[in-house]
Amino acid sequence: MMFSRRPIVAFAVVCGLIPLAPHRLHSQQTTGTSAPAASGSQADQADPLKRPRTDEEQFKARKELKGELHGAYKTWLDQDVAYIITDEERKTFRSLSNDEEREAFIEAFWQRRNPNPDSADNEFREEHYRRIAYANEHFAAGKPGWKTDRGHIYIAFGKPDSIESHPSGGAYTRPVDEGGGETATYPFETWHYRYLAGIGENIDIEFVDTCMCGDYHFTIDRGEKDALAKVPGMGLTQYEEMHSAKKSDRFAGSGLETLGLGPMSSSNNSKQFDRLELAAKLFAPPPIKFKDLDAFVSEHKILTGPPFPFDVRTDFVKVTDKTVLVPVTIQIRNRDITFTTKNGVSTGIVNILGKVTTITHKTVQTFEDTVEVEQPAELLEKTLDYKKIYWKALPLLPGLYRLDIAIKDVNNPDHIGVYARSLNVPEYQDEKLGTSSLILADKITSVDSHSIGEGNCVIGNTKICPRVTSGPASPVTYTRNQDLAFWMQVYNLGIDDASKSNSAKVTYQIIDTSNNNVLLEKTLDSKDLGSHSDELTVEKTLPIGGLQPGKYKVTIKVNDEISKQEIAQSAPFVVQ
């Protein structure tokens, strides 16, 4: 039995279907002679193909034409990203109405897959197109290599860890789990992956060339490679050689595989659904995991149970001239999570689903994940005031969006929380001094080269988990035994033509807001933070044990001496 999935390239023609209207009789003055033959214009009116379309027909035709893709955009959707684009992204791309929107979508598509958003080079995109080129070079068989099953798997998952290749087929000793015995095979390959995210460990994928033409197709039937399977008396399994089974038994059942009976036949039967599930996972697009939550973010369904409270913070970090990284931080209190206890461990599970849409209700970003909180059962009561954060960075184009988030308490299914706010992503204009959000945190750490741009709370090569409050204007709260960490980036500094370096003064202050007294002030030279760059990062960790309980704020001022521009950012905090 062959299981094969190949992309289907559809060619659609939009036609205006004009219903035939009944002929109308036009009165004419007669002078005693017979009416003349119909004029050319009258003949045109009688022809349904030349009849003007109604408003409804024209609207329908425009709507159908809008969904059509041509040229490079059709190639991008149907070929370039056919195996990695999600169903929702595909639907969104098809709904776009002009090339400007399509270009913006494509840029955002690659950017949200970029492992290092701070880099102008997108390693994911480069690797993807390298895989396509490799597939076309090595797997072509009367059709481009990317259209073959081997090309599909290679593009989606990369190079296998090992390949067992039999390019000429020939003599083959079956392993015991395939029935044992000697036979001859068609050309086949078995690709082995030690691990595939979302699929599992030690994955074997088999391809068979039954046409002997170089077109290896994916199969879940390990018996399909047997070239003597239907030759009477040849290529027998061990049981068939001992007359303990008949060769016809291979094809008598309704199983997925045509393997002969053998010592491990029963285990093969029990694993058939595993093989079918593997095939489905290998070729299926990423599914929506939390469909129950999707109704709350897409349809704005009303809560029926007690609300599940949580806090949300959004920040803005420039990536490129047209792309802004929007870290979304979600904070949940242990006290609001339902815990179940087993074997001395209390576990709480929260499903999170988020969606970013435009003001015209087009979805541009979605994210979904599961957060688990585990505590020793005897310590659970003491940790109820602890907080858990979930962090997701979304690349977006400048503009106005709506951010919807829904969370679900898995151990208490009626306990659901929702969040909906507008999201105004700023535009960082060329030659205009700008800054990222000013983020307050507990600590700032550097990450190793393998983790740059990846992981929870990682921006570039820095890990900083923002403090989250109940509202955008609410101050962050610290105790006197904690450290205050702050982080901000500055963009579009002027560069001196002669020295090719920047020249700006960066001043950070701690201000007592009750009387506006400056308690701490320090000025840095931009050259000390990065002399030849138009971008720099200000980050600092300060002990606050010397501050009395009260309200304060951090202010960072930048004075660019080359472009003669100034900019400042402030963030409030409270010391208890």
Foldseek 3Di string as FASTA:
>chain_A
DFDFDFFDQDDDDQDQDFDQDDDDDDDDDDPPDDDDPDDPVRVLCNDRVNNDDDPVSVVVSLQVVQLDDDDPLSCCCRPLCVQADFPQLSVLLSNDRDPVVNVQLVVQVQLQVALFLQDPDRPLSVVLVVLQVVQQVPQDFVHGSCRAQVSSLCSVFNAAPDKDWDLQWAWDFDDQLLQGFIATFATKMWGWHQADPPQGGTDIWMWGDPVNRRRTGTGLAPCVRGPCLPPPPGRDGPCVVVVVDPSCVLVPDPARYSGDDGPCVVVVRVCRVVSVVNVCVSRPHDDDPCPVCCCCQQVVDDADDDEQDKFKDWWWDDRDQFKIKIKIKIKHFLLSADWDDDPQKTKWKKKKKKWKAAPVGRTSDIDIDMDMDIDGPVCSVVRRRPMDMFMDIRMHGAAKIKMKMKMAGVVDRSHMHIDIDIDGHDRDDALDKDKIAKFKAQDKDFADPVQASHDTQHNGRMRGDGQTDRDPQDAAEDEQQTKIKIKMKMANFDADPPVLWFWKKKKKFKAAVVVRDTPDIDIDTVVVQPTNDRMGMDIDIGRRNVPDWHKIKMKMKMQGPPSRDIDMHMGIYTYD
